[in-house]
Amino acid sequence: MPALHATHVTLLLALAFGFRAGIAEPQSTSAGHRNMLELLREVEARTPYEHGDLSDREVRRLRARLAHLDPATEPIFELELRYQLGEAELRLGREREAIAHLTAAYELMDKAGGDLARGEWKLHVIYRLGVAYLRRGETENCAHGSSPDRCILPISDGAQHSRREGSTKASEMLSRCSRELRRRPRST
């Protein structure tokens, strides 16, 4: 595989984080410009398969494992798989998919039983669900909002979330996490 140059990394990051409005041909282009556009298209097409941090390879692998999971498998194994898949989806910015898998992991806690339903795992899943909902709220209201005030502090009236489900659910999950932490005995 050819070495990545700083220019390639910058282009990959821009493509991965949605800063592209589509690669369109301007009205007049030089041969060098057309070559650059073609290179960008190639990088965009290869990124999901080749770039470790931006690749969806892990998500595809985990989805395949989930699809072939034996129904008789112990709930703990499905719980762990759902949790890993939720985390992998969240890393790729797929908040809705992450929330679905993390919610499924949370719901499997009682089936798994024992210390798992009361321990650190449960707290961690609740926390990660809160983070996923928080990111969804920000994506829906900041990234897709029409007001430039939405992403600037101090928060103005124009910055209030119009799509509230993500931030409301985030508040619920993170409050639940906080309550769970307060119930635990403090270690000295």
Protein backbone atom coordinates (compact mmCIF):
# COMPACT_ATOMS: atom_id res chain seq x y z
CA MET A 1 0.00 0.00 0.00
CA PRO A 2 1.42 3.44 -0.87
CA ALA A 3 2.43 5.70 2.00
CA LEU A 4 -0.04 8.36 3.05
CA HIS A 5 1.13 11.92 2.70
CA ALA A 6 -0.12 14.82 4.83
CA THR A 7 -2.26 15.96 1.88
CA HIS A 8 -3.93 12.55 1.64
CA VAL A 9 -4.62 12.48 5.38
CA THR A 10 -6.14 15.96 5.25
CA LEU A 11 -8.34 14.97 2.33
CA LEU A 12 -9.40 11.74 4.08
CA LEU A 13 -10.37 13.64 7.21
CA ALA A 14 -12.35 16.20 5.24
CA LEU A 15 -14.20 13.42 3.40
CA ALA A 16 -14.80 11.39 6.55
CA PHE A 17 -16.23 14.21 8.59
CA GLY A 18 -18.70 15.40 5.99
CA PHE A 19 -17.02 18.58 4.78
CA ARG A 20 -17.71 17.72 1.20
CA ALA A 21 -20.55 19.12 -0.79
CA GLY A 22 -19.82 16.67 -3.57
CA ILE A 23 -16.87 16.73 -5.90
CA ALA A 24 -18.14 18.72 -8.83
CA GLU A 25 -16.36 19.82 -11.96
CA PRO A 26 -16.02 23.60 -12.21
CA GLN A 27 -16.88 25.19 -15.52
CA SER A 28 -13.29 25.39 -16.71
CA THR A 29 -10.73 22.91 -15.47
CA SER A 30 -7.11 22.25 -16.17
CA ALA A 31 -5.75 18.75 -16.66
CA GLY A 32 -4.08 18.96 -13.23
CA HIS A 33 -7.35 19.93 -11.58
CA ARG A 34 -9.19 17.05 -13.27
CA ASN A 35 -6.46 14.66 -12.10
CA MET A 36 -6.82 15.95 -8.55
CA LEU A 37 -10.60 15.45 -8.67
CA GLU A 38 -10.12 11.91 -9.92
CA LEU A 39 -7.65 11.22 -7.10
CA LEU A 40 -10.18 12.54 -4.57
CA ARG A 41 -12.86 10.24 -5.98
CA GLU A 42 -10.50 7.27 -5.69
CA VAL A 43 -9.57 8.14 -2.10
CA GLU A 44 -13.24 8.54 -1.22
CA ALA A 45 -14.10 5.14 -2.73
CA ARG A 46 -11.20 3.31 -1.00
CA THR A 47 -11.44 4.91 2.44
CA PRO A 48 -14.18 2.65 3.88
CA TYR A 49 -12.12 -0.42 3.03
CA GLU A 50 -8.53 0.65 3.54
CA HIS A 51 -8.21 3.31 6.21
CA GLY A 52 -8.18 1.84 9.72
CA ASP A 53 -9.71 4.76 11.59
CA LEU A 54 -12.27 5.69 8.95
CA SER A 55 -13.05 2.20 7.72
CA ASP A 56 -16.33 0.44 8.38
CA ARG A 57 -14.51 -2.91 8.30
CA GLU A 58 -15.04 -3.50 12.04
CA VAL A 59 -18.75 -2.70 11.75
CA ARG A 60 -19.12 -5.13 8.85
CA ARG A 61 -17.27 -7.83 10.80
CA LEU A 62 -19.41 -7.35 13.92
CA ARG A 63 -22.65 -7.25 11.90
CA ALA A 64 -21.71 -10.56 10.26
CA ARG A 65 -21.03 -12.12 13.67
CA LEU A 66 -24.38 -10.84 14.95
CA ALA A 67 -26.22 -12.16 11.88
CA HIS A 68 -24.77 -15.63 12.45
CA LEU A 69 -25.26 -15.68 16.21
CA ASP A 70 -26.86 -18.91 17.39
CA PRO A 71 -30.20 -18.19 19.14
CA ALA A 72 -29.09 -20.51 21.97
CA THR A 73 -26.03 -18.34 22.67
CA GLU A 74 -25.71 -17.07 26.22
CA PRO A 75 -27.08 -13.50 26.53
CA ILE A 76 -23.71 -12.24 27.76
CA PHE A 77 -22.12 -12.94 24.37
CA GLU A 78 -24.85 -11.12 22.45
CA LEU A 79 -24.67 -8.26 24.96
CA GLU A 80 -20.93 -7.88 24.41
CA LEU A 81 -21.32 -8.08 20.63
CA ARG A 82 -24.11 -5.47 20.62
CA TYR A 83 -22.04 -3.20 22.84
CA GLN A 84 -18.99 -3.48 20.56
CA LEU A 85 -21.14 -2.86 17.49
CA GLY A 86 -22.75 0.18 19.12
CA GLU A 87 -19.31 1.61 19.91
CA ALA A 88 -18.04 0.93 16.37
CA GLU A 89 -21.13 2.58 14.82
CA LEU A 90 -20.71 5.59 17.09
CA ARG A 91 -17.05 6.01 16.04
CA LEU A 92 -18.28 6.28 12.45
CA GLY A 93 -20.90 8.89 13.38
CA ARG A 94 -23.85 6.55 12.92
CA GLU A 95 -25.70 7.64 16.03
CA ARG A 96 -29.04 5.96 15.31
CA GLU A 97 -27.44 2.57 14.67
CA ALA A 98 -25.24 2.98 17.75
CA ILE A 99 -28.26 3.79 19.91
CA ALA A 100 -30.13 0.73 18.60
CA HIS A 101 -27.26 -1.63 19.46
CA LEU A 102 -26.46 -0.04 22.81
CA THR A 103 -30.16 -0.16 23.75
CA ALA A 104 -30.26 -3.85 22.82
CA ALA A 105 -27.16 -4.41 24.99
CA TYR A 106 -28.84 -2.61 27.88
CA GLU A 107 -31.99 -4.70 27.50
CA LEU A 108 -29.92 -7.89 27.57
CA MET A 109 -28.50 -6.97 31.00
CA ASP A 110 -31.41 -8.53 32.91
CA LYS A 111 -31.28 -11.69 30.79
CA ALA A 112 -27.58 -11.99 31.48
CA GLY A 113 -28.34 -11.51 35.17
CA GLY A 114 -26.03 -11.70 38.11
CA ASP A 115 -23.49 -9.02 38.84
CA LEU A 116 -23.61 -7.89 35.22
CA ALA A 117 -27.05 -6.31 35.62
CA ARG A 118 -25.85 -4.37 38.67
CA GLY A 119 -22.16 -3.85 38.01
CA GLU A 120 -19.82 -1.63 36.08
CA TRP A 121 -20.98 -2.98 32.73
CA LYS A 122 -24.49 -1.64 33.25
CA LEU A 123 -23.18 1.73 34.30
CA HIS A 124 -20.86 1.83 31.31
CA VAL A 125 -23.62 0.91 28.84
CA ILE A 126 -25.93 3.59 30.30
CA TYR A 127 -23.14 6.16 30.04
CA ARG A 128 -22.33 5.25 26.42
CA LEU A 129 -26.04 5.41 25.54
CA GLY A 130 -26.10 8.91 27.02
CA VAL A 131 -23.09 9.89 24.91
CA ALA A 132 -24.70 8.43 21.77
CA TYR A 133 -27.92 10.37 22.38
CA LEU A 134 -25.91 13.53 23.10
CA ARG A 135 -24.07 13.17 19.80
CA ARG A 136 -27.37 12.54 18.00
CA GLY A 137 -28.84 15.69 19.53
CA GLU A 138 -25.83 17.72 18.46
CA THR A 139 -25.83 16.24 14.97
CA GLU A 140 -29.52 16.96 14.48
CA ASN A 141 -29.43 20.45 15.92
CA CYS A 142 -25.96 21.82 15.28
CA ALA A 143 -24.70 20.14 12.15
CA HIS A 144 -28.07 20.20 10.42
CA GLY A 145 -29.39 23.41 11.94
CA SER A 146 -29.90 26.57 9.98
CA SER A 147 -28.59 29.07 12.54
CA PRO A 148 -24.87 29.79 12.96
CA ASP A 149 -25.65 30.57 16.62
CA ARG A 150 -26.26 26.87 17.31
CA CYS A 151 -22.56 26.06 17.71
CA ILE A 152 -21.32 29.15 19.54
CA LEU A 153 -21.06 29.83 23.27
CA PRO A 154 -22.70 31.45 25.10
CA ILE A 155 -25.86 29.71 23.99
CA SER A 156 -28.38 32.18 22.61
CA ASP A 157 -32.12 31.77 22.04
CA GLY A 158 -31.37 30.80 18.43
CA ALA A 159 -29.25 27.92 19.68
CA GLN A 160 -32.04 26.08 21.50
CA HIS A 161 -32.58 22.57 20.17
CA SER A 162 -35.59 22.30 17.91
CA ARG A 163 -35.18 18.52 17.69
CA ARG A 164 -35.15 17.61 21.35
CA GLU A 165 -35.28 13.80 21.46
CA GLY A 166 -31.50 13.29 21.36
CA SER A 167 -30.70 15.82 24.07
CA THR A 168 -33.67 14.76 26.22
CA LYS A 169 -32.68 11.08 26.07
CA ALA A 170 -29.04 12.02 26.73
CA SER A 171 -30.13 13.89 29.85
CA GLU A 172 -32.20 10.88 31.00
CA MET A 173 -29.33 8.41 30.48
CA LEU A 174 -26.63 10.58 32.02
CA SER A 175 -28.89 11.39 34.99
CA ARG A 176 -29.51 7.67 35.47
CA CYS A 177 -25.76 7.10 35.37
CA SER A 178 -25.24 9.81 37.97
CA ARG A 179 -27.91 8.31 40.27
CA GLU A 180 -26.28 4.88 39.96
CA LEU A 181 -22.91 6.35 40.91
CA ARG A 182 -24.34 8.17 43.94
CA ARG A 183 -25.94 4.91 45.22
CA ARG A 184 -22.59 3.14 45.30
CA PRO A 185 -20.50 3.13 48.41
CA ARG A 186 -17.49 5.39 48.17
CA SER A 187 -14.16 3.70 48.32
CA THR A 188 -11.57 5.29 50.55
